Amino acid sequence: MVEDHAIVRAGFHRMLADAFPDLTFGEAGSASEAIREVRESPWDMVVLDLSLPGAGGLDILAELRTLAPQLPVLIMTMYGESEYAVRAFRSGASGYITKGNAPEQMLEAVRKVLSGGRYVSRDLAERLAGSLSADASRPLHETLSNREFQVFRLLAAGKTVKGIGHELHLSHKTVSTYRSRVLEKMHLGSTAELIRYAHRMSLVD
């Protein structure tokens, strides 16, 4: 379980231990801890939060897929399916579930992924099918890299360049570069236009 909040890890651990008493569980509170655990132990599955300090969850997912290509990764996050799910599956995730789901659904997702399957909701399955259409029909935000999309969402949420830099552990100059790149790729003239786009596409809460 890769999650930076100890209380969340403890609660999830307890729930899984009750449902799967014969399994061994491990915990990681950061990207570096997760990578170390995967290098040192033959885990059968990783449950990964996308919101971690420093490296973005999708970046960690990509690194895990390189390190252990056959290792199933279930994304469990506060981000809704419309925000990151398609990107997560394109990056190699085996399942995606939000923290607002009922415990029974979380256990179902774990069982499905642990048995070698993929976990997707019905709505997400339709969205994934739609994402297979021609590139020309893809929304502009889907042309962004994972890091650019992460910066895009933080800008859309009203965060300043300085605030984003602090949250992602990036320099002010680097964040400004990402902002410029995002605006250029999406043919937008300002952060205000970016915010309007994000709300129109339901990409922010």
N, C-alpha and C. Protein backbone atom coordinates (compact mmCIF):
# COMPACT_ATOMS: atom_id res chain seq x y z
N MET A 1 0.85 -1.19 0.00
CA MET A 1 0.00 0.00 0.00
C MET A 1 0.89 1.24 0.00
N VAL A 2 0.82 2.01 -1.09
CA VAL A 2 1.64 3.22 -1.21
C VAL A 2 0.73 4.42 -1.00
N GLU A 3 0.83 5.03 0.17
CA GLU A 3 -0.04 6.13 0.59
C GLU A 3 0.70 6.95 1.63
N ASP A 4 0.69 8.28 1.47
CA ASP A 4 1.50 9.10 2.38
C ASP A 4 0.81 9.41 3.70
N HIS A 5 -0.47 9.08 3.85
CA HIS A 5 -1.18 9.32 5.11
C HIS A 5 -1.24 8.03 5.93
N ALA A 6 -0.58 8.04 7.07
CA ALA A 6 -0.48 6.83 7.90
C ALA A 6 -1.84 6.31 8.35
N ILE A 7 -2.77 7.22 8.65
CA ILE A 7 -4.10 6.80 9.11
C ILE A 7 -4.84 6.05 8.01
N VAL A 8 -4.73 6.54 6.78
CA VAL A 8 -5.38 5.87 5.64
C VAL A 8 -4.76 4.49 5.43
N ARG A 9 -3.42 4.43 5.50
CA ARG A 9 -2.75 3.12 5.34
C ARG A 9 -3.22 2.15 6.40
N ALA A 10 -3.29 2.61 7.65
CA ALA A 10 -3.68 1.73 8.75
C ALA A 10 -5.11 1.21 8.56
N GLY A 11 -6.01 2.09 8.14
CA GLY A 11 -7.39 1.67 7.94
C GLY A 11 -7.53 0.68 6.81
N PHE A 12 -6.84 0.94 5.71
CA PHE A 12 -6.90 0.03 4.56
C PHE A 12 -6.25 -1.31 4.91
N HIS A 13 -5.14 -1.25 5.63
CA HIS A 13 -4.44 -2.46 6.05
C HIS A 13 -5.38 -3.33 6.90
N ARG A 14 -6.07 -2.71 7.84
CA ARG A 14 -6.97 -3.45 8.72
C ARG A 14 -8.10 -4.11 7.92
N MET A 15 -8.65 -3.37 6.97
CA MET A 15 -9.73 -3.90 6.15
C MET A 15 -9.27 -5.10 5.32
N LEU A 16 -8.08 -4.97 4.73
CA LEU A 16 -7.55 -6.07 3.91
C LEU A 16 -7.16 -7.27 4.76
N ALA A 17 -6.61 -7.01 5.93
CA ALA A 17 -6.20 -8.11 6.81
C ALA A 17 -7.42 -8.94 7.23
N ASP A 18 -8.55 -8.29 7.45
CA ASP A 18 -9.77 -9.01 7.81
C ASP A 18 -10.28 -9.85 6.63
N ALA A 19 -10.16 -9.30 5.42
CA ALA A 19 -10.68 -9.99 4.24
C ALA A 19 -9.73 -11.05 3.69
N PHE A 20 -8.42 -10.82 3.88
CA PHE A 20 -7.40 -11.74 3.35
C PHE A 20 -6.42 -12.10 4.47
N PRO A 21 -6.83 -12.92 5.42
CA PRO A 21 -6.01 -13.20 6.60
C PRO A 21 -4.70 -13.93 6.31
N ASP A 22 -4.60 -14.57 5.15
CA ASP A 22 -3.39 -15.34 4.84
C ASP A 22 -2.34 -14.53 4.08
N LEU A 23 -2.64 -13.30 3.75
CA LEU A 23 -1.70 -12.50 2.97
C LEU A 23 -0.77 -11.68 3.86
N THR A 24 0.38 -11.33 3.31
CA THR A 24 1.34 -10.46 3.99
C THR A 24 1.22 -9.06 3.39
N PHE A 25 1.22 -8.05 4.22
CA PHE A 25 1.04 -6.69 3.76
C PHE A 25 2.27 -5.83 4.06
N GLY A 26 2.54 -4.89 3.17
CA GLY A 26 3.61 -3.94 3.38
C GLY A 26 3.10 -2.54 3.13
N GLU A 27 3.79 -1.54 3.67
CA GLU A 27 3.36 -0.16 3.52
C GLU A 27 4.52 0.72 3.09
N ALA A 28 4.20 1.73 2.27
CA ALA A 28 5.20 2.72 1.86
C ALA A 28 4.53 4.08 1.90
N GLY A 29 5.25 5.06 2.44
CA GLY A 29 4.69 6.40 2.56
C GLY A 29 5.20 7.38 1.54
N SER A 30 6.06 6.91 0.63
CA SER A 30 6.62 7.80 -0.39
C SER A 30 7.02 7.00 -1.61
N ALA A 31 7.36 7.71 -2.69
CA ALA A 31 7.77 7.05 -3.92
C ALA A 31 9.04 6.23 -3.71
N SER A 32 10.01 6.81 -3.01
CA SER A 32 11.28 6.10 -2.82
C SER A 32 11.10 4.83 -2.00
N GLU A 33 10.22 4.87 -1.00
CA GLU A 33 9.94 3.68 -0.20
C GLU A 33 9.27 2.61 -1.05
N ALA A 34 8.35 3.03 -1.92
CA ALA A 34 7.65 2.09 -2.78
C ALA A 34 8.62 1.38 -3.73
N ILE A 35 9.50 2.14 -4.34
CA ILE A 35 10.47 1.57 -5.27
C ILE A 35 11.39 0.59 -4.54
N ARG A 36 11.81 0.97 -3.34
CA ARG A 36 12.69 0.09 -2.56
C ARG A 36 11.98 -1.22 -2.21
N GLU A 37 10.72 -1.13 -1.79
CA GLU A 37 9.96 -2.33 -1.43
C GLU A 37 9.83 -3.28 -2.63
N VAL A 38 9.54 -2.73 -3.80
CA VAL A 38 9.36 -3.55 -5.00
C VAL A 38 10.68 -4.18 -5.42
N ARG A 39 11.77 -3.46 -5.22
CA ARG A 39 13.09 -4.02 -5.56
C ARG A 39 13.47 -5.16 -4.61
N GLU A 40 13.09 -5.02 -3.33
CA GLU A 40 13.58 -5.94 -2.32
C GLU A 40 12.67 -7.14 -2.05
N SER A 41 11.37 -7.04 -2.40
CA SER A 41 10.43 -8.12 -2.07
C SER A 41 9.55 -8.46 -3.27
N PRO A 42 9.21 -9.75 -3.42
CA PRO A 42 8.38 -10.20 -4.56
C PRO A 42 6.88 -9.99 -4.30
N TRP A 43 6.43 -8.75 -4.24
CA TRP A 43 5.03 -8.48 -3.97
C TRP A 43 4.14 -8.96 -5.11
N ASP A 44 2.91 -9.36 -4.77
CA ASP A 44 1.94 -9.82 -5.76
C ASP A 44 1.11 -8.68 -6.32
N MET A 45 1.11 -7.55 -5.63
CA MET A 45 0.24 -6.45 -6.05
C MET A 45 0.62 -5.17 -5.31
N VAL A 46 0.42 -4.04 -5.96
CA VAL A 46 0.63 -2.73 -5.33
C VAL A 46 -0.67 -1.94 -5.40
N VAL A 47 -1.05 -1.33 -4.28
CA VAL A 47 -2.16 -0.38 -4.25
C VAL A 47 -1.52 1.00 -4.15
N LEU A 48 -1.74 1.83 -5.15
CA LEU A 48 -0.99 3.09 -5.28
C LEU A 48 -1.91 4.31 -5.27
N ASP A 49 -1.61 5.24 -4.37
CA ASP A 49 -2.30 6.53 -4.38
C ASP A 49 -1.61 7.43 -5.40
N LEU A 50 -2.37 8.27 -6.09
CA LEU A 50 -1.77 9.15 -7.09
C LEU A 50 -1.24 10.44 -6.49
N SER A 51 -1.71 10.80 -5.30
CA SER A 51 -1.32 12.07 -4.69
C SER A 51 -0.25 11.81 -3.64
N LEU A 52 1.00 11.89 -4.07
CA LEU A 52 2.14 11.67 -3.18
C LEU A 52 3.07 12.87 -3.25
N PRO A 53 3.79 13.17 -2.18
CA PRO A 53 4.73 14.31 -2.21
C PRO A 53 5.86 14.04 -3.20
N GLY A 54 6.25 15.07 -3.92
CA GLY A 54 7.34 14.92 -4.87
C GLY A 54 6.84 14.36 -6.18
N ALA A 55 7.31 13.19 -6.54
CA ALA A 55 6.96 12.56 -7.81
C ALA A 55 5.47 12.30 -7.89
N GLY A 56 4.88 12.54 -9.07
CA GLY A 56 3.47 12.26 -9.25
C GLY A 56 3.20 10.77 -9.31
N GLY A 57 1.97 10.38 -8.95
CA GLY A 57 1.62 8.97 -8.92
C GLY A 57 1.78 8.28 -10.26
N LEU A 58 1.47 8.99 -11.37
CA LEU A 58 1.62 8.38 -12.68
C LEU A 58 3.08 8.17 -13.02
N ASP A 59 3.95 9.04 -12.54
CA ASP A 59 5.39 8.85 -12.74
C ASP A 59 5.88 7.62 -11.98
N ILE A 60 5.36 7.44 -10.76
CA ILE A 60 5.72 6.26 -9.97
C ILE A 60 5.20 5.00 -10.65
N LEU A 61 3.98 5.07 -11.17
CA LEU A 61 3.41 3.93 -11.87
C LEU A 61 4.30 3.52 -13.03
N ALA A 62 4.75 4.49 -13.81
CA ALA A 62 5.62 4.20 -14.95
C ALA A 62 6.92 3.54 -14.48
N GLU A 63 7.47 4.03 -13.37
CA GLU A 63 8.71 3.45 -12.86
C GLU A 63 8.49 2.02 -12.36
N LEU A 64 7.35 1.79 -11.71
CA LEU A 64 7.04 0.43 -11.25
C LEU A 64 6.87 -0.52 -12.42
N ARG A 65 6.24 -0.04 -13.50
CA ARG A 65 6.04 -0.90 -14.67
C ARG A 65 7.38 -1.25 -15.30
N THR A 66 8.34 -0.32 -15.26
CA THR A 66 9.67 -0.61 -15.80
C THR A 66 10.42 -1.58 -14.89
N LEU A 67 10.29 -1.38 -13.59
CA LEU A 67 11.00 -2.20 -12.61
C LEU A 67 10.44 -3.62 -12.54
N ALA A 68 9.12 -3.75 -12.58
CA ALA A 68 8.46 -5.05 -12.46
C ALA A 68 7.27 -5.08 -13.42
N PRO A 69 7.50 -5.36 -14.69
CA PRO A 69 6.45 -5.26 -15.71
C PRO A 69 5.21 -6.11 -15.45
N GLN A 70 5.37 -7.23 -14.74
CA GLN A 70 4.24 -8.11 -14.50
C GLN A 70 3.49 -7.82 -13.19
N LEU A 71 3.97 -6.84 -12.44
CA LEU A 71 3.37 -6.53 -11.13
C LEU A 71 2.08 -5.72 -11.31
N PRO A 72 0.93 -6.25 -10.87
CA PRO A 72 -0.32 -5.51 -11.01
C PRO A 72 -0.36 -4.30 -10.06
N VAL A 73 -0.86 -3.19 -10.56
CA VAL A 73 -0.96 -1.97 -9.75
C VAL A 73 -2.41 -1.49 -9.78
N LEU A 74 -3.02 -1.41 -8.60
CA LEU A 74 -4.37 -0.87 -8.46
C LEU A 74 -4.26 0.56 -7.96
N ILE A 75 -4.81 1.49 -8.73
CA ILE A 75 -4.83 2.89 -8.31
C ILE A 75 -6.02 3.10 -7.38
N MET A 76 -5.75 3.62 -6.18
CA MET A 76 -6.81 3.99 -5.25
C MET A 76 -6.56 5.43 -4.84
N THR A 77 -7.44 6.34 -5.27
CA THR A 77 -7.14 7.75 -5.16
C THR A 77 -8.38 8.58 -4.89
N MET A 78 -8.17 9.83 -4.50
CA MET A 78 -9.28 10.75 -4.29
C MET A 78 -9.72 11.36 -5.62
N TYR A 79 -8.88 11.24 -6.67
CA TYR A 79 -9.21 11.83 -7.96
C TYR A 79 -10.29 11.02 -8.67
N GLY A 80 -11.31 11.69 -9.18
CA GLY A 80 -12.39 11.01 -9.88
C GLY A 80 -11.91 10.37 -11.17
N GLU A 81 -12.73 9.47 -11.70
CA GLU A 81 -12.35 8.73 -12.91
C GLU A 81 -12.15 9.66 -14.10
N SER A 82 -12.90 10.75 -14.15
CA SER A 82 -12.79 11.66 -15.30
C SER A 82 -11.45 12.38 -15.33
N GLU A 83 -10.75 12.39 -14.20
CA GLU A 83 -9.53 13.16 -14.10
C GLU A 83 -8.27 12.39 -14.51
N TYR A 84 -8.11 11.18 -14.00
CA TYR A 84 -6.86 10.47 -14.20
C TYR A 84 -7.00 9.03 -14.70
N ALA A 85 -8.19 8.45 -14.69
CA ALA A 85 -8.32 7.02 -14.94
C ALA A 85 -7.79 6.60 -16.30
N VAL A 86 -8.16 7.31 -17.35
CA VAL A 86 -7.71 6.93 -18.69
C VAL A 86 -6.19 6.97 -18.77
N ARG A 87 -5.60 8.02 -18.20
CA ARG A 87 -4.14 8.13 -18.20
C ARG A 87 -3.51 6.98 -17.41
N ALA A 88 -4.13 6.62 -16.28
CA ALA A 88 -3.58 5.54 -15.45
C ALA A 88 -3.55 4.22 -16.22
N PHE A 89 -4.63 3.91 -16.92
CA PHE A 89 -4.66 2.66 -17.68
C PHE A 89 -3.68 2.70 -18.85
N ARG A 90 -3.56 3.85 -19.48
CA ARG A 90 -2.58 3.97 -20.57
C ARG A 90 -1.16 3.79 -20.04
N SER A 91 -0.96 4.12 -18.77
CA SER A 91 0.37 3.98 -18.17
C SER A 91 0.61 2.59 -17.58
N GLY A 92 -0.38 1.72 -17.65
CA GLY A 92 -0.16 0.33 -17.21
C GLY A 92 -0.88 -0.09 -15.95
N ALA A 93 -1.81 0.72 -15.42
CA ALA A 93 -2.54 0.31 -14.22
C ALA A 93 -3.44 -0.89 -14.51
N SER A 94 -3.68 -1.70 -13.50
CA SER A 94 -4.57 -2.86 -13.63
C SER A 94 -5.97 -2.57 -13.11
N GLY A 95 -6.13 -1.47 -12.40
CA GLY A 95 -7.43 -1.10 -11.88
C GLY A 95 -7.41 0.32 -11.36
N TYR A 96 -8.60 0.90 -11.20
CA TYR A 96 -8.71 2.27 -10.74
C TYR A 96 -9.97 2.39 -9.90
N ILE A 97 -9.82 2.86 -8.67
CA ILE A 97 -10.97 3.04 -7.79
C ILE A 97 -10.76 4.28 -6.93
N THR A 98 -11.83 5.00 -6.66
CA THR A 98 -11.70 6.22 -5.86
C THR A 98 -11.95 5.90 -4.39
N LYS A 99 -11.37 6.71 -3.52
CA LYS A 99 -11.47 6.48 -2.08
C LYS A 99 -12.89 6.68 -1.56
N GLY A 100 -13.74 7.30 -2.35
CA GLY A 100 -15.12 7.50 -1.91
C GLY A 100 -15.99 6.27 -2.09
N ASN A 101 -15.47 5.23 -2.72
CA ASN A 101 -16.25 4.02 -2.92
C ASN A 101 -16.44 3.25 -1.61
N ALA A 102 -17.46 2.41 -1.58
CA ALA A 102 -17.73 1.60 -0.40
C ALA A 102 -16.64 0.56 -0.21
N PRO A 103 -16.37 0.14 1.04
CA PRO A 103 -15.34 -0.88 1.29
C PRO A 103 -15.55 -2.15 0.45
N GLU A 104 -16.81 -2.55 0.23
CA GLU A 104 -17.07 -3.76 -0.55
C GLU A 104 -16.53 -3.63 -1.97
N GLN A 105 -16.65 -2.43 -2.55
CA GLN A 105 -16.14 -2.21 -3.90
C GLN A 105 -14.62 -2.22 -3.91
N MET A 106 -14.01 -1.69 -2.85
CA MET A 106 -12.55 -1.70 -2.77
C MET A 106 -12.04 -3.14 -2.67
N LEU A 107 -12.71 -3.96 -1.87
CA LEU A 107 -12.31 -5.37 -1.74
C LEU A 107 -12.52 -6.10 -3.06
N GLU A 108 -13.59 -5.77 -3.76
CA GLU A 108 -13.84 -6.38 -5.07
C GLU A 108 -12.72 -6.03 -6.04
N ALA A 109 -12.28 -4.77 -6.00
CA ALA A 109 -11.21 -4.33 -6.88
C ALA A 109 -9.91 -5.07 -6.57
N VAL A 110 -9.60 -5.21 -5.28
CA VAL A 110 -8.39 -5.92 -4.88
C VAL A 110 -8.45 -7.38 -5.33
N ARG A 111 -9.57 -8.04 -5.10
CA ARG A 111 -9.72 -9.44 -5.51
C ARG A 111 -9.52 -9.60 -7.02
N LYS A 112 -10.14 -8.70 -7.78
CA LYS A 112 -10.07 -8.79 -9.24
C LYS A 112 -8.63 -8.62 -9.73
N VAL A 113 -7.95 -7.61 -9.23
CA VAL A 113 -6.59 -7.35 -9.67
C VAL A 113 -5.63 -8.42 -9.17
N LEU A 114 -5.83 -8.87 -7.93
CA LEU A 114 -4.97 -9.89 -7.34
C LEU A 114 -5.07 -11.21 -8.10
N SER A 115 -6.23 -11.46 -8.70
CA SER A 115 -6.44 -12.70 -9.45
C SER A 115 -5.98 -12.60 -10.90
N GLY A 116 -5.41 -11.45 -11.26
CA GLY A 116 -4.88 -11.29 -12.61
C GLY A 116 -5.79 -10.53 -13.55
N GLY A 117 -6.94 -10.04 -13.05
CA GLY A 117 -7.87 -9.31 -13.90
C GLY A 117 -7.67 -7.81 -13.83
N ARG A 118 -8.60 -7.10 -14.42
CA ARG A 118 -8.59 -5.64 -14.39
C ARG A 118 -9.89 -5.15 -13.77
N TYR A 119 -9.79 -4.11 -12.98
CA TYR A 119 -10.99 -3.56 -12.35
C TYR A 119 -11.33 -2.21 -12.96
N VAL A 120 -12.52 -2.13 -13.56
CA VAL A 120 -13.03 -0.86 -14.08
C VAL A 120 -14.52 -0.78 -13.79
N SER A 121 -15.01 0.41 -13.53
CA SER A 121 -16.44 0.60 -13.36
C SER A 121 -17.09 0.63 -14.74
N ARG A 122 -18.40 0.52 -14.78
CA ARG A 122 -19.10 0.53 -16.08
C ARG A 122 -18.89 1.86 -16.80
N ASP A 123 -19.01 2.97 -16.06
CA ASP A 123 -18.81 4.28 -16.68
C ASP A 123 -17.40 4.44 -17.23
N LEU A 124 -16.44 3.95 -16.45
CA LEU A 124 -15.05 4.07 -16.88
C LEU A 124 -14.79 3.20 -18.11
N ALA A 125 -15.40 2.02 -18.17
CA ALA A 125 -15.23 1.14 -19.33
C ALA A 125 -15.69 1.86 -20.60
N GLU A 126 -16.82 2.58 -20.51
CA GLU A 126 -17.31 3.31 -21.67
C GLU A 126 -16.36 4.44 -22.05
N ARG A 127 -15.80 5.10 -21.02
CA ARG A 127 -14.87 6.20 -21.29
C ARG A 127 -13.58 5.68 -21.93
N LEU A 128 -13.11 4.53 -21.47
CA LEU A 128 -11.90 3.94 -22.04
C LEU A 128 -12.15 3.54 -23.49
N ALA A 129 -13.33 2.99 -23.77
CA ALA A 129 -13.66 2.61 -25.15
C ALA A 129 -13.67 3.85 -26.04
N GLY A 130 -14.23 4.94 -25.51
CA GLY A 130 -14.28 6.18 -26.28
C GLY A 130 -12.90 6.77 -26.53
N SER A 131 -11.97 6.52 -25.61
CA SER A 131 -10.63 7.09 -25.75
C SER A 131 -9.83 6.42 -26.86
N LEU A 132 -10.33 5.29 -27.37
CA LEU A 132 -9.63 4.58 -28.44
C LEU A 132 -9.90 5.18 -29.81
N SER A 133 -10.74 6.22 -29.87
CA SER A 133 -11.06 6.85 -31.15
C SER A 133 -9.84 7.59 -31.69
N ALA A 134 -9.96 8.09 -32.86
CA ALA A 134 -8.83 8.74 -33.54
C ALA A 134 -8.30 9.91 -32.74
N ASP A 135 -6.98 10.14 -32.85
CA ASP A 135 -6.33 11.22 -32.11
C ASP A 135 -6.96 12.58 -32.42
N ALA A 136 -7.45 12.74 -33.62
CA ALA A 136 -8.00 14.04 -34.02
C ALA A 136 -9.20 14.43 -33.17
N SER A 137 -9.87 13.43 -32.61
CA SER A 137 -11.06 13.72 -31.82
C SER A 137 -10.76 13.83 -30.33
N ARG A 138 -9.50 13.67 -29.95
CA ARG A 138 -9.14 13.71 -28.54
C ARG A 138 -9.22 15.14 -28.01
N PRO A 139 -9.72 15.32 -26.78
CA PRO A 139 -9.72 16.66 -26.18
C PRO A 139 -8.29 17.17 -26.03
N LEU A 140 -8.13 18.48 -26.03
CA LEU A 140 -6.79 19.07 -25.98
C LEU A 140 -6.01 18.65 -24.74
N HIS A 141 -6.69 18.49 -23.58
CA HIS A 141 -5.95 18.16 -22.35
C HIS A 141 -5.32 16.76 -22.43
N GLU A 142 -5.80 15.91 -23.33
CA GLU A 142 -5.22 14.58 -23.45
C GLU A 142 -3.93 14.57 -24.24
N THR A 143 -3.57 15.72 -24.82
CA THR A 143 -2.29 15.82 -25.53
C THR A 143 -1.15 16.14 -24.56
N LEU A 144 -1.50 16.46 -23.30
CA LEU A 144 -0.48 16.83 -22.32
C LEU A 144 0.22 15.60 -21.77
N SER A 145 1.50 15.76 -21.40
CA SER A 145 2.20 14.68 -20.70
C SER A 145 1.62 14.56 -19.30
N ASN A 146 1.97 13.49 -18.60
CA ASN A 146 1.44 13.30 -17.26
C ASN A 146 1.81 14.44 -16.31
N ARG A 147 3.04 14.91 -16.38
CA ARG A 147 3.46 16.01 -15.51
C ARG A 147 2.77 17.31 -15.92
N GLU A 148 2.65 17.54 -17.22
CA GLU A 148 1.95 18.74 -17.69
C GLU A 148 0.50 18.72 -17.23
N PHE A 149 -0.13 17.55 -17.27
CA PHE A 149 -1.53 17.44 -16.84
C PHE A 149 -1.64 17.69 -15.34
N GLN A 150 -0.64 17.24 -14.58
CA GLN A 150 -0.64 17.48 -13.14
C GLN A 150 -0.57 18.98 -12.86
N VAL A 151 0.31 19.69 -13.56
CA VAL A 151 0.42 21.14 -13.39
C VAL A 151 -0.87 21.83 -13.87
N PHE A 152 -1.41 21.35 -14.98
CA PHE A 152 -2.66 21.88 -15.51
C PHE A 152 -3.77 21.84 -14.46
N ARG A 153 -3.94 20.72 -13.79
CA ARG A 153 -5.01 20.56 -12.80
C ARG A 153 -4.80 21.47 -11.59
N LEU A 154 -3.55 21.63 -11.19
CA LEU A 154 -3.27 22.51 -10.05
C LEU A 154 -3.52 23.97 -10.42
N LEU A 155 -3.17 24.35 -11.64
CA LEU A 155 -3.47 25.71 -12.10
C LEU A 155 -5.00 25.90 -12.16
N ALA A 156 -5.69 24.90 -12.66
CA ALA A 156 -7.15 24.97 -12.78
C ALA A 156 -7.82 25.07 -11.42
N ALA A 157 -7.15 24.53 -10.39
CA ALA A 157 -7.70 24.59 -9.03
C ALA A 157 -7.38 25.91 -8.36
N GLY A 158 -6.70 26.81 -9.07
CA GLY A 158 -6.43 28.14 -8.53
C GLY A 158 -5.09 28.27 -7.83
N LYS A 159 -4.23 27.24 -7.92
CA LYS A 159 -2.93 27.31 -7.26
C LYS A 159 -2.00 28.25 -8.04
N THR A 160 -1.14 28.96 -7.31
CA THR A 160 -0.16 29.83 -7.94
C THR A 160 1.05 29.01 -8.39
N VAL A 161 1.86 29.62 -9.25
CA VAL A 161 3.08 28.96 -9.70
C VAL A 161 3.98 28.62 -8.51
N LYS A 162 4.07 29.56 -7.57
CA LYS A 162 4.88 29.33 -6.37
C LYS A 162 4.30 28.18 -5.55
N GLY A 163 2.99 28.16 -5.38
CA GLY A 163 2.34 27.11 -4.61
C GLY A 163 2.51 25.74 -5.25
N ILE A 164 2.41 25.70 -6.57
CA ILE A 164 2.59 24.43 -7.29
C ILE A 164 4.02 23.94 -7.13
N GLY A 165 4.97 24.86 -7.22
CA GLY A 165 6.37 24.49 -7.05
C GLY A 165 6.63 23.88 -5.69
N HIS A 166 6.03 24.47 -4.67
CA HIS A 166 6.19 23.95 -3.31
C HIS A 166 5.55 22.56 -3.19
N GLU A 167 4.37 22.38 -3.77
CA GLU A 167 3.66 21.10 -3.66
C GLU A 167 4.36 19.99 -4.42
N LEU A 168 4.93 20.31 -5.59
CA LEU A 168 5.57 19.29 -6.43
C LEU A 168 7.08 19.23 -6.25
N HIS A 169 7.60 20.07 -5.37
CA HIS A 169 9.05 20.14 -5.14
C HIS A 169 9.80 20.48 -6.44
N LEU A 170 9.26 21.48 -7.13
CA LEU A 170 9.88 21.96 -8.37
C LEU A 170 10.21 23.44 -8.21
N SER A 171 11.17 23.92 -8.98
CA SER A 171 11.52 25.33 -8.92
C SER A 171 10.44 26.18 -9.58
N HIS A 172 10.40 27.45 -9.20
CA HIS A 172 9.45 28.41 -9.78
C HIS A 172 9.62 28.45 -11.29
N LYS A 173 10.87 28.44 -11.76
CA LYS A 173 11.15 28.51 -13.19
C LYS A 173 10.63 27.28 -13.93
N THR A 174 10.80 26.10 -13.31
CA THR A 174 10.34 24.86 -13.95
C THR A 174 8.83 24.85 -14.08
N VAL A 175 8.12 25.29 -13.03
CA VAL A 175 6.66 25.32 -13.08
C VAL A 175 6.20 26.32 -14.14
N SER A 176 6.87 27.46 -14.22
CA SER A 176 6.51 28.46 -15.24
C SER A 176 6.68 27.89 -16.64
N THR A 177 7.73 27.09 -16.83
CA THR A 177 7.95 26.44 -18.13
C THR A 177 6.82 25.47 -18.45
N TYR A 178 6.41 24.68 -17.45
CA TYR A 178 5.29 23.75 -17.65
C TYR A 178 4.01 24.52 -17.99
N ARG A 179 3.79 25.62 -17.27
CA ARG A 179 2.59 26.43 -17.53
C ARG A 179 2.58 26.92 -18.97
N SER A 180 3.70 27.43 -19.43
CA SER A 180 3.78 27.94 -20.80
C SER A 180 3.53 26.82 -21.81
N ARG A 181 4.08 25.65 -21.52
CA ARG A 181 3.92 24.50 -22.40
C ARG A 181 2.45 24.07 -22.49
N VAL A 182 1.80 24.06 -21.32
CA VAL A 182 0.39 23.67 -21.25
C VAL A 182 -0.47 24.64 -22.06
N LEU A 183 -0.27 25.93 -21.86
CA LEU A 183 -1.05 26.94 -22.58
C LEU A 183 -0.83 26.83 -24.08
N GLU A 184 0.41 26.59 -24.49
CA GLU A 184 0.72 26.48 -25.91
C GLU A 184 0.05 25.26 -26.53
N LYS A 185 0.18 24.10 -25.87
CA LYS A 185 -0.40 22.87 -26.41
C LYS A 185 -1.92 22.94 -26.50
N MET A 186 -2.53 23.67 -25.56
CA MET A 186 -3.98 23.72 -25.52
C MET A 186 -4.55 24.96 -26.22
N HIS A 187 -3.65 25.74 -26.83
CA HIS A 187 -4.07 26.93 -27.59
C HIS A 187 -4.87 27.90 -26.71
N LEU A 188 -4.37 28.09 -25.48
CA LEU A 188 -5.03 29.00 -24.54
C LEU A 188 -4.13 30.20 -24.29
N GLY A 189 -4.76 31.35 -24.00
CA GLY A 189 -3.98 32.56 -23.85
C GLY A 189 -3.66 32.95 -22.42
N SER A 190 -4.34 32.33 -21.46
CA SER A 190 -4.12 32.73 -20.07
C SER A 190 -4.57 31.63 -19.12
N THR A 191 -4.19 31.79 -17.85
CA THR A 191 -4.63 30.84 -16.83
C THR A 191 -6.14 30.90 -16.65
N ALA A 192 -6.72 32.09 -16.82
CA ALA A 192 -8.17 32.23 -16.69
C ALA A 192 -8.89 31.38 -17.74
N GLU A 193 -8.38 31.37 -18.96
CA GLU A 193 -8.96 30.53 -20.01
C GLU A 193 -8.78 29.06 -19.67
N LEU A 194 -7.65 28.72 -19.09
CA LEU A 194 -7.39 27.35 -18.68
C LEU A 194 -8.41 26.90 -17.62
N ILE A 195 -8.68 27.77 -16.67
CA ILE A 195 -9.64 27.45 -15.61
C ILE A 195 -11.03 27.24 -16.19
N ARG A 196 -11.42 28.10 -17.13
CA ARG A 196 -12.74 27.95 -17.75
C ARG A 196 -12.82 26.63 -18.52
N TYR A 197 -11.76 26.28 -19.21
CA TYR A 197 -11.71 25.00 -19.95
C TYR A 197 -11.86 23.83 -18.99
N ALA A 198 -11.11 23.86 -17.89
CA ALA A 198 -11.15 22.76 -16.92
C ALA A 198 -12.54 22.58 -16.34
N HIS A 199 -13.23 23.67 -16.05
CA HIS A 199 -14.58 23.56 -15.50
C HIS A 199 -15.55 23.05 -16.56
N ARG A 200 -15.36 23.52 -17.79
CA ARG A 200 -16.25 23.06 -18.86
C ARG A 200 -16.12 21.56 -19.12
N MET A 201 -14.89 21.04 -18.94
CA MET A 201 -14.64 19.62 -19.17
C MET A 201 -14.76 18.78 -17.90
N SER A 202 -15.20 19.41 -16.80
CA SER A 202 -15.38 18.72 -15.51
C SER A 202 -14.08 18.07 -15.03
N LEU A 203 -12.98 18.80 -15.13
CA LEU A 203 -11.68 18.27 -14.73
C LEU A 203 -11.23 18.77 -13.36
N VAL A 204 -12.07 19.58 -12.73
CA VAL A 204 -11.77 20.03 -11.36
C VAL A 204 -13.04 19.85 -10.53
N ASP A 205 -12.83 19.72 -9.20
CA ASP A 205 -13.98 19.56 -8.31
C ASP A 205 -14.75 20.87 -8.19
